[in-house]
C-alpha atoms as a PDB file:
ATOM      1  CA  MET A   1       0.000   0.000   0.000  1.00  0.00           C
ATOM      2  CA  ARG A   2       2.803   2.394   0.892  1.00  0.00           C
ATOM      3  CA  ARG A   3       4.533   1.742  -2.437  1.00  0.00           C
ATOM      4  CA  ALA A   4       1.265   2.264  -4.337  1.00  0.00           C
ATOM      5  CA  ALA A   5       0.649   5.560  -2.546  1.00  0.00           C
ATOM      6  CA  ARG A   6       4.170   6.695  -3.384  1.00  0.00           C
ATOM      7  CA  ARG A   7       3.686   5.810  -7.055  1.00  0.00           C
ATOM      8  CA  GLU A   8       0.383   7.681  -7.081  1.00  0.00           C
ATOM      9  CA  ARG A   9       2.105  10.795  -5.730  1.00  0.00           C
ATOM     10  CA  LEU A  10       4.900  10.538  -8.293  1.00  0.00           C
ATOM     11  CA  ASN A  11       2.363  10.188 -11.090  1.00  0.00           C
ATOM     12  CA  ARG A  12       1.029  13.628 -10.185  1.00  0.00           C
ATOM     13  CA  ILE A  13       4.424  15.210 -10.889  1.00  0.00           C
ATOM     14  CA  ARG A  14       5.413  16.276 -14.397  1.00  0.00           C
ATOM     15  CA  VAL A  15       9.042  17.215 -14.917  1.00  0.00           C
ATOM     16  CA  GLY A  16      10.294  18.704 -18.155  1.00  0.00           C
ATOM     17  CA  THR A  17      11.957  21.598 -19.919  1.00  0.00           C
ATOM     18  CA  ALA A  18      10.968  24.612 -21.961  1.00  0.00           C
ATOM     19  CA  GLY A  19      11.109  23.079 -25.427  1.00  0.00           C
ATOM     20  CA  TRP A  20      12.663  19.673 -26.004  1.00  0.00           C
ATOM     21  CA  ALA A  21      16.221  20.355 -27.049  1.00  0.00           C
ATOM     22  CA  ILE A  22      18.728  17.632 -26.170  1.00  0.00           C
ATOM     23  CA  PRO A  23      22.195  19.138 -25.590  1.00  0.00           C
ATOM     24  CA  ARG A  24      25.206  17.095 -26.622  1.00  0.00           C
ATOM     25  CA  ALA A  25      26.346  16.789 -23.001  1.00  0.00           C
ATOM     26  CA  VAL A  26      23.348  14.600 -22.118  1.00  0.00           C
ATOM     27  CA  ALA A  27      22.628  13.047 -25.513  1.00  0.00           C
ATOM     28  CA  ASP A  28      23.672   9.588 -24.296  1.00  0.00           C
ATOM     29  CA  ALA A  29      20.896   9.667 -21.695  1.00  0.00           C
ATOM     30  CA  PHE A  30      18.290   9.603 -24.472  1.00  0.00           C
ATOM     31  CA  PRO A  31      17.588   7.015 -27.183  1.00  0.00           C
ATOM     32  CA  ALA A  32      19.723   7.428 -30.285  1.00  0.00           C
ATOM     33  CA  GLU A  33      16.890   6.926 -32.765  1.00  0.00           C
ATOM     34  CA  GLY A  34      13.926   9.162 -33.564  1.00  0.00           C
ATOM     35  CA  SER A  35      13.217  12.869 -33.754  1.00  0.00           C
ATOM     36  CA  ALA A  36      14.346  15.181 -30.976  1.00  0.00           C
ATOM     37  CA  LEU A  37      10.830  15.150 -29.525  1.00  0.00           C
ATOM     38  CA  GLU A  38      10.516  11.360 -29.725  1.00  0.00           C
ATOM     39  CA  ARG A  39      13.874  10.937 -27.999  1.00  0.00           C
ATOM     40  CA  TYR A  40      13.016  13.528 -25.346  1.00  0.00           C
ATOM     41  CA  ALA A  41       9.612  11.993 -24.616  1.00  0.00           C
ATOM     42  CA  ALA A  42      11.185   8.579 -24.078  1.00  0.00           C
ATOM     43  CA  ARG A  43      12.815   9.915 -20.892  1.00  0.00           C
ATOM     44  CA  LEU A  44      10.766  12.893 -19.695  1.00  0.00           C
ATOM     45  CA  PRO A  45       6.988  13.043 -19.168  1.00  0.00           C
ATOM     46  CA  ALA A  46       6.279  16.659 -20.089  1.00  0.00           C
ATOM     47  CA  ALA A  47       7.429  19.678 -22.067  1.00  0.00           C
ATOM     48  CA  GLU A  48       6.495  23.339 -22.152  1.00  0.00           C
ATOM     49  CA  ILE A  49       5.857  24.712 -25.640  1.00  0.00           C
ATOM     50  CA  ASN A  50       7.407  28.188 -25.619  1.00  0.00           C
ATOM     51  CA  SER A  51       7.579  28.813 -29.358  1.00  0.00           C
ATOM     52  CA  SER A  52       3.826  29.508 -29.306  1.00  0.00           C
ATOM     53  CA  PHE A  53       4.658  32.764 -27.509  1.00  0.00           C
ATOM     54  CA  TYR A  54       6.572  34.050 -30.529  1.00  0.00           C
ATOM     55  CA  ARG A  55       4.565  32.702 -33.465  1.00  0.00           C
ATOM     56  CA  PRO A  56       1.403  30.691 -34.127  1.00  0.00           C
ATOM     57  CA  HIS A  57       1.540  27.013 -35.068  1.00  0.00           C
ATOM     58  CA  ARG A  58      -0.991  25.266 -37.248  1.00  0.00           C
ATOM     59  CA  PRO A  59      -3.301  22.668 -35.674  1.00  0.00           C
ATOM     60  CA  ALA A  60      -1.561  20.068 -37.847  1.00  0.00           C
ATOM     61  CA  THR A  61       1.768  20.939 -36.215  1.00  0.00           C
ATOM     62  CA  TYR A  62       0.347  20.432 -32.740  1.00  0.00           C
ATOM     63  CA  ALA A  63      -1.250  17.173 -33.892  1.00  0.00           C
ATOM     64  CA  ARG A  64       2.098  15.971 -35.243  1.00  0.00           C
ATOM     65  CA  TRP A  65       3.773  16.706 -31.923  1.00  0.00           C
ATOM     66  CA  ALA A  66       1.012  14.873 -30.068  1.00  0.00           C
ATOM     67  CA  ALA A  67       1.449  11.838 -32.314  1.00  0.00           C
ATOM     68  CA  ALA A  68       5.191  11.740 -31.582  1.00  0.00           C
ATOM     69  CA  VAL A  69       4.894  11.188 -27.821  1.00  0.00           C
ATOM     70  CA  PRO A  70       3.562   8.382 -25.574  1.00  0.00           C
ATOM     71  CA  ASP A  71      -0.024   8.415 -24.313  1.00  0.00           C
ATOM     72  CA  GLY A  72       0.967   9.606 -20.847  1.00  0.00           C
ATOM     73  CA  PHE A  73       3.002  12.577 -22.089  1.00  0.00           C
ATOM     74  CA  ARG A  74       1.630  16.104 -21.691  1.00  0.00           C
ATOM     75  CA  PHE A  75       2.451  19.519 -23.169  1.00  0.00           C
ATOM     76  CA  SER A  76       1.869  22.827 -21.465  1.00  0.00           C
ATOM     77  CA  VAL A  77       1.521  25.705 -23.934  1.00  0.00           C
ATOM     78  CA  LYS A  78       2.496  29.341 -23.485  1.00  0.00           C
ATOM     79  CA  LEU A  79       0.002  31.984 -24.565  1.00  0.00           C
ATOM     80  CA  PRO A  80       1.109  34.248 -27.447  1.00  0.00           C
ATOM     81  CA  ARG A  81       2.842  37.522 -26.728  1.00  0.00           C
ATOM     82  CA  SER A  82       0.122  39.237 -28.772  1.00  0.00           C
ATOM     83  CA  ILE A  83      -2.238  38.517 -25.861  1.00  0.00           C
ATOM     84  CA  THR A  84       0.025  39.127 -22.882  1.00  0.00           C
ATOM     85  CA  HIS A  85       2.543  41.717 -24.093  1.00  0.00           C
ATOM     86  CA  ASP A  86       0.971  43.551 -27.045  1.00  0.00           C
ATOM     87  CA  LEU A  87      -2.695  43.724 -26.032  1.00  0.00           C
ATOM     88  CA  ARG A  88      -1.770  43.391 -22.350  1.00  0.00           C
ATOM     89  CA  LEU A  89      -4.811  41.188 -21.610  1.00  0.00           C
ATOM     90  CA  ALA A  90      -7.403  43.677 -22.924  1.00  0.00           C
ATOM     91  CA  GLY A  91      -9.622  42.967 -25.933  1.00  0.00           C
ATOM     92  CA  VAL A  92      -8.049  39.576 -26.562  1.00  0.00           C
ATOM     93  CA  GLU A  93     -11.105  37.482 -27.453  1.00  0.00           C
ATOM     94  CA  ALA A  94     -10.253  36.964 -31.126  1.00  0.00           C
ATOM     95  CA  GLU A  95      -6.626  36.126 -30.315  1.00  0.00           C
ATOM     96  CA  LEU A  96      -7.686  33.690 -27.604  1.00  0.00           C
ATOM     97  CA  GLU A  97     -10.076  31.881 -29.899  1.00  0.00           C
ATOM     98  CA  ARG A  98      -7.463  31.496 -32.605  1.00  0.00           C
ATOM     99  CA  PHE A  99      -4.874  30.222 -30.131  1.00  0.00           C
ATOM    100  CA  LEU A 100      -7.246  27.720 -28.525  1.00  0.00           C
ATOM    101  CA  ARG A 101      -8.390  26.507 -31.930  1.00  0.00           C
ATOM    102  CA  ASP A 102      -4.777  25.861 -32.925  1.00  0.00           C
ATOM    103  CA  ILE A 103      -3.714  24.013 -29.769  1.00  0.00           C
ATOM    104  CA  ALA A 104      -6.752  21.738 -29.985  1.00  0.00           C
ATOM    105  CA  GLY A 105      -4.512  19.685 -32.262  1.00  0.00           C
ATOM    106  CA  LEU A 106      -2.798  18.361 -29.127  1.00  0.00           C
ATOM    107  CA  GLY A 107      -5.991  16.571 -28.111  1.00  0.00           C
ATOM    108  CA  ALA A 108      -5.719  14.629 -24.852  1.00  0.00           C
ATOM    109  CA  LYS A 109      -2.009  15.481 -24.585  1.00  0.00           C
ATOM    110  CA  LEU A 110      -2.736  19.126 -23.815  1.00  0.00           C
ATOM    111  CA  GLY A 111      -1.735  20.071 -20.278  1.00  0.00           C
ATOM    112  CA  PRO A 112      -1.972  23.493 -18.614  1.00  0.00           C
ATOM    113  CA  LEU A 113      -1.883  26.818 -20.411  1.00  0.00           C
ATOM    114  CA  LEU A 114       0.915  29.128 -19.275  1.00  0.00           C
ATOM    115  CA  VAL A 115       0.206  32.853 -19.119  1.00  0.00           C
ATOM    116  CA  GLN A 116       3.453  34.773 -18.544  1.00  0.00           C
ATOM    117  CA  LEU A 117       2.900  38.481 -18.001  1.00  0.00           C
ATOM    118  CA  PRO A 118       5.414  41.220 -18.829  1.00  0.00           C
ATOM    119  CA  PRO A 119       7.287  42.674 -15.830  1.00  0.00           C
ATOM    120  CA  SER A 120       5.702  46.077 -16.474  1.00  0.00           C
ATOM    121  CA  LEU A 121       2.089  44.849 -16.373  1.00  0.00           C
ATOM    122  CA  ILE A 122       0.526  46.017 -13.124  1.00  0.00           C
ATOM    123  CA  PHE A 123      -2.534  44.392 -11.599  1.00  0.00           C
ATOM    124  CA  GLU A 124      -5.706  46.199 -12.645  1.00  0.00           C
ATOM    125  CA  ALA A 125      -8.679  44.344 -11.221  1.00  0.00           C
ATOM    126  CA  GLY A 126     -11.113  45.129 -14.035  1.00  0.00           C
ATOM    127  CA  ILE A 127      -8.784  44.108 -16.852  1.00  0.00           C
ATOM    128  CA  ALA A 128      -7.560  41.016 -14.999  1.00  0.00           C
ATOM    129  CA  ALA A 129     -11.086  39.851 -14.153  1.00  0.00           C
ATOM    130  CA  ALA A 130     -12.333  40.351 -17.716  1.00  0.00           C
ATOM    131  CA  PHE A 131      -9.362  38.456 -19.136  1.00  0.00           C
ATOM    132  CA  LEU A 132      -9.654  35.517 -16.747  1.00  0.00           C
ATOM    133  CA  LEU A 133     -13.393  35.268 -17.338  1.00  0.00           C
ATOM    134  CA  SER A 134     -12.870  35.348 -21.104  1.00  0.00           C
ATOM    135  CA  LEU A 135     -10.220  32.643 -20.910  1.00  0.00           C
ATOM    136  CA  ARG A 136     -12.244  30.454 -18.548  1.00  0.00           C
ATOM    137  CA  ASP A 137     -15.329  30.753 -20.742  1.00  0.00           C
ATOM    138  CA  ARG A 138     -13.296  29.206 -23.550  1.00  0.00           C
ATOM    139  CA  HIS A 139     -11.055  26.737 -21.719  1.00  0.00           C
ATOM    140  CA  GLU A 140     -11.882  24.273 -18.939  1.00  0.00           C
ATOM    141  CA  GLY A 141      -8.394  22.830 -18.456  1.00  0.00           C
ATOM    142  CA  GLY A 142      -5.501  23.861 -16.235  1.00  0.00           C
ATOM    143  CA  ILE A 143      -4.181  27.421 -16.335  1.00  0.00           C
ATOM    144  CA  ALA A 144      -1.043  28.784 -14.668  1.00  0.00           C
ATOM    145  CA  LEU A 145      -0.292  32.503 -14.555  1.00  0.00           C
ATOM    146  CA  GLU A 146       3.215  33.882 -14.053  1.00  0.00           C
ATOM    147  CA  PRO A 147       2.923  37.550 -13.040  1.00  0.00           C
ATOM    148  CA  ARG A 148       6.124  39.542 -12.693  1.00  0.00           C
ATOM    149  CA  HIS A 149       4.996  42.898 -11.303  1.00  0.00           C
ATOM    150  CA  PRO A 150       4.800  43.223  -7.483  1.00  0.00           C
ATOM    151  CA  THR A 151       1.162  44.399  -7.615  1.00  0.00           C
ATOM    152  CA  TRP A 152       0.036  40.868  -8.531  1.00  0.00           C
ATOM    153  CA  PHE A 153       1.197  39.423  -5.214  1.00  0.00           C
ATOM    154  CA  GLY A 154      -1.548  40.454  -2.837  1.00  0.00           C
ATOM    155  CA  VAL A 155      -4.857  39.293  -1.430  1.00  0.00           C
ATOM    156  CA  GLU A 156      -7.076  40.685  -4.202  1.00  0.00           C
ATOM    157  CA  PRO A 157      -5.159  39.153  -7.144  1.00  0.00           C
ATOM    158  CA  ASP A 158      -4.881  35.843  -5.308  1.00  0.00           C
ATOM    159  CA  GLU A 159      -8.619  35.711  -4.629  1.00  0.00           C
ATOM    160  CA  LEU A 160      -9.346  36.524  -8.273  1.00  0.00           C
ATOM    161  CA  LEU A 161      -7.105  33.682  -9.431  1.00  0.00           C
ATOM    162  CA  ARG A 162      -8.815  31.268  -7.045  1.00  0.00           C
ATOM    163  CA  GLU A 163     -12.228  32.365  -8.281  1.00  0.00           C
ATOM    164  CA  HIS A 164     -11.281  31.460 -11.858  1.00  0.00           C
ATOM    165  CA  ARG A 165      -9.321  28.308 -10.938  1.00  0.00           C
ATOM    166  CA  VAL A 166      -6.004  29.741 -12.092  1.00  0.00           C
ATOM    167  CA  ALA A 167      -2.765  28.752 -10.340  1.00  0.00           C
ATOM    168  CA  ARG A 168      -0.019  31.299  -9.784  1.00  0.00           C
ATOM    169  CA  VAL A 169       3.388  30.081 -10.899  1.00  0.00           C
ATOM    170  CA  ALA A 170       6.177  29.612  -8.368  1.00  0.00           C
ATOM    171  CA  ALA A 171       9.290  31.003 -10.051  1.00  0.00           C
ATOM    172  CA  ASP A 172      13.022  30.929  -9.456  1.00  0.00           C
ATOM    173  CA  PRO A 173      14.559  33.429  -9.321  1.00  0.00           C
ATOM    174  CA  ALA A 174      11.665  35.208  -7.642  1.00  0.00           C
ATOM    175  CA  ARG A 175      11.200  38.905  -8.416  1.00  0.00           C
ATOM    176  CA  VAL A 176       9.454  39.362  -5.066  1.00  0.00           C
ATOM    177  CA  PRO A 177       9.584  36.919  -2.125  1.00  0.00           C
ATOM    178  CA  GLU A 178       5.978  35.791  -2.683  1.00  0.00           C
ATOM    179  CA  ALA A 179       6.784  34.720  -6.253  1.00  0.00           C
ATOM    180  CA  ALA A 180       8.877  31.821  -4.942  1.00  0.00           C
ATOM    181  CA  GLU A 181       5.782  30.003  -3.690  1.00  0.00           C
ATOM    182  CA  PRO A 182       2.667  28.810  -5.521  1.00  0.00           C
ATOM    183  CA  GLY A 183      -0.437  30.936  -5.202  1.00  0.00           C
ATOM    184  CA  GLY A 184      -3.901  31.390  -6.586  1.00  0.00           C
ATOM    185  CA  TRP A 185      -5.944  28.238  -7.120  1.00  0.00           C
ATOM    186  CA  PRO A 186      -4.463  25.334  -5.105  1.00  0.00           C
ATOM    187  CA  GLY A 187      -5.681  22.604  -7.471  1.00  0.00           C
ATOM    188  CA  LEU A 188      -2.594  22.945  -9.687  1.00  0.00           C
ATOM    189  CA  VAL A 189       1.047  23.686  -8.860  1.00  0.00           C
ATOM    190  CA  TYR A 190       3.350  24.972 -11.606  1.00  0.00           C
ATOM    191  CA  LEU A 191       7.043  25.673 -10.954  1.00  0.00           C
ATOM    192  CA  ARG A 192       9.252  27.455 -13.499  1.00  0.00           C
ATOM    193  CA  LEU A 193      12.963  27.311 -12.744  1.00  0.00           C
ATOM    194  CA  HIS A 194      14.733  29.890 -14.890  1.00  0.00           C
ATOM    195  CA  GLY A 195      18.220  29.372 -13.473  1.00  0.00           C
ATOM    196  CA  SER A 196      19.738  31.122 -10.480  1.00  0.00           C
ATOM    197  CA  PRO A 197      21.760  33.228  -9.937  1.00  0.00           C
ATOM    198  CA  ARG A 198      22.170  33.787 -13.704  1.00  0.00           C
ATOM    199  CA  THR A 199      18.726  33.623 -15.303  1.00  0.00           C
ATOM    200  CA  TYR A 200      18.421  31.167 -18.221  1.00  0.00           C
ATOM    201  CA  TYR A 201      22.029  29.991 -17.745  1.00  0.00           C
ATOM    202  CA  SER A 202      22.731  28.756 -14.211  1.00  0.00           C
ATOM    203  CA  SER A 203      22.401  25.054 -13.503  1.00  0.00           C
ATOM    204  CA  TYR A 204      20.877  23.633 -10.320  1.00  0.00           C
ATOM    205  CA  GLY A 205      23.234  21.471  -8.284  1.00  0.00           C
ATOM    206  CA  GLU A 206      22.537  18.040  -6.863  1.00  0.00           C
ATOM    207  CA  GLN A 207      21.725  19.405  -3.413  1.00  0.00           C
ATOM    208  CA  SER A 208      19.164  21.821  -4.857  1.00  0.00           C
ATOM    209  CA  LEU A 209      17.567  19.085  -6.948  1.00  0.00           C
ATOM    210  CA  ASP A 210      17.341  16.718  -3.973  1.00  0.00           C
ATOM    211  CA  ALA A 211      15.685  19.432  -1.880  1.00  0.00           C
ATOM    212  CA  LEU A 212      13.269  20.139  -4.712  1.00  0.00           C
ATOM    213  CA  ALA A 213      12.477  16.433  -5.048  1.00  0.00           C
ATOM    214  CA  ALA A 214      11.694  16.198  -1.335  1.00  0.00           C
ATOM    215  CA  ARG A 215       9.304  19.113  -1.720  1.00  0.00           C
ATOM    216  CA  LEU A 216       7.621  17.686  -4.814  1.00  0.00           C
ATOM    217  CA  ARG A 217       7.144  14.227  -3.281  1.00  0.00           C
ATOM    218  CA  GLU A 218       4.555  15.761  -0.973  1.00  0.00           C
ATOM    219  CA  ALA A 219       2.415  16.817  -3.935  1.00  0.00           C
ATOM    220  CA  ALA A 220      -1.279  16.276  -3.343  1.00  0.00           C
ATOM    221  CA  VAL A 221      -2.355  17.786  -6.680  1.00  0.00           C
ATOM    222  CA  GLU A 222      -1.084  17.859 -10.266  1.00  0.00           C
ATOM    223  CA  THR A 223       2.354  19.467 -10.093  1.00  0.00           C
ATOM    224  CA  TRP A 224       4.534  20.677 -12.956  1.00  0.00           C
ATOM    225  CA  CYS A 225       8.221  21.513 -12.693  1.00  0.00           C
ATOM    226  CA  ILE A 226       9.690  23.089 -15.825  1.00  0.00           C
ATOM    227  CA  PHE A 227      13.356  23.979 -16.213  1.00  0.00           C
ATOM    228  CA  ASP A 228      13.786  27.100 -18.343  1.00  0.00           C
ATOM    229  CA  ASN A 229      17.569  27.416 -17.939  1.00  0.00           C
ATOM    230  CA  THR A 230      18.032  26.424 -21.569  1.00  0.00           C
ATOM    231  CA  ALA A 231      20.571  29.036 -22.728  1.00  0.00           C
ATOM    232  CA  SER A 232      23.509  26.987 -21.437  1.00  0.00           C
ATOM    233  CA  GLY A 233      21.917  23.600 -22.069  1.00  0.00           C
ATOM    234  CA  ALA A 234      21.430  22.952 -18.342  1.00  0.00           C
ATOM    235  CA  ALA A 235      17.675  22.342 -18.452  1.00  0.00           C
ATOM    236  CA  ALA A 236      17.672  18.768 -19.765  1.00  0.00           C
ATOM    237  CA  ALA A 237      20.373  17.643 -17.328  1.00  0.00           C
ATOM    238  CA  ASN A 238      18.521  19.253 -14.420  1.00  0.00           C
ATOM    239  CA  ALA A 239      15.223  17.638 -15.426  1.00  0.00           C
ATOM    240  CA  LEU A 240      16.864  14.220 -15.623  1.00  0.00           C
ATOM    241  CA  GLY A 241      18.580  14.807 -12.286  1.00  0.00           C
ATOM    242  CA  LEU A 242      15.336  15.793 -10.601  1.00  0.00           C
ATOM    243  CA  LEU A 243      13.527  12.802 -12.044  1.00  0.00           C
ATOM    244  CA  ALA A 244      16.263  10.477 -10.780  1.00  0.00           C
ATOM    245  CA  SER A 245      16.074  12.025  -7.321  1.00  0.00           C
ATOM    246  CA  LEU A 246      12.279  11.688  -7.260  1.00  0.00           C
ATOM    247  CA  GLU A 247      12.384   8.042  -8.273  1.00  0.00           C
ATOM    248  CA  GLY A 248      15.242   7.158  -5.978  1.00  0.00           C
ATOM    249  CA  GLY A 249      14.023   8.878  -2.851  1.00  0.00           C
END
């Protein structure tokens, strides 16, 4: 029974990277045959699609990615910058509908949506509420929001996120102390590890990964841990290291 409970907890945890690049330094840890995505998905259970932030993908592209991975694999998908950075959450209905229509190609392999806000975007209750309502009206699945302005880390924003069943990302490095811990809706936990102290470059050492694994093992809900320290190629190694620590602990 104890082993079954442990396996159930581990099954709630999805470890992966932003994208699915396999750096040469860890290439031997993945199968030699297949596309980069097929090789990646043979070892890791999840990936965050970041390219959707910069440009749209056709439904057929998402469907091709879904067909390349095992049944249990899941993709989170980042909302386009046109919604978060250009329109800044206001008047985004047409953009949302196009984006959601495109990602439907992932089918059952679609995981949470990631909404990363620009650092300059302050919390304005009316705009935030209208955006979250518009998104929730169109999407029933998981949503994680990564705010980066201090005004988003208070009681009112947190209550609004809970109301719309939106988790607040726990990020490292944290721009404000509260950003280091999950917030908003407690039914989903989404961690984004960008590399610290040097964002996008720094690797996480064994001690840090073991401490993170101990924290994640207590997960009572679906929990994602995405390594975004891809600029130096550290993300894949860190994801593999965390997975090994989780399974060995």
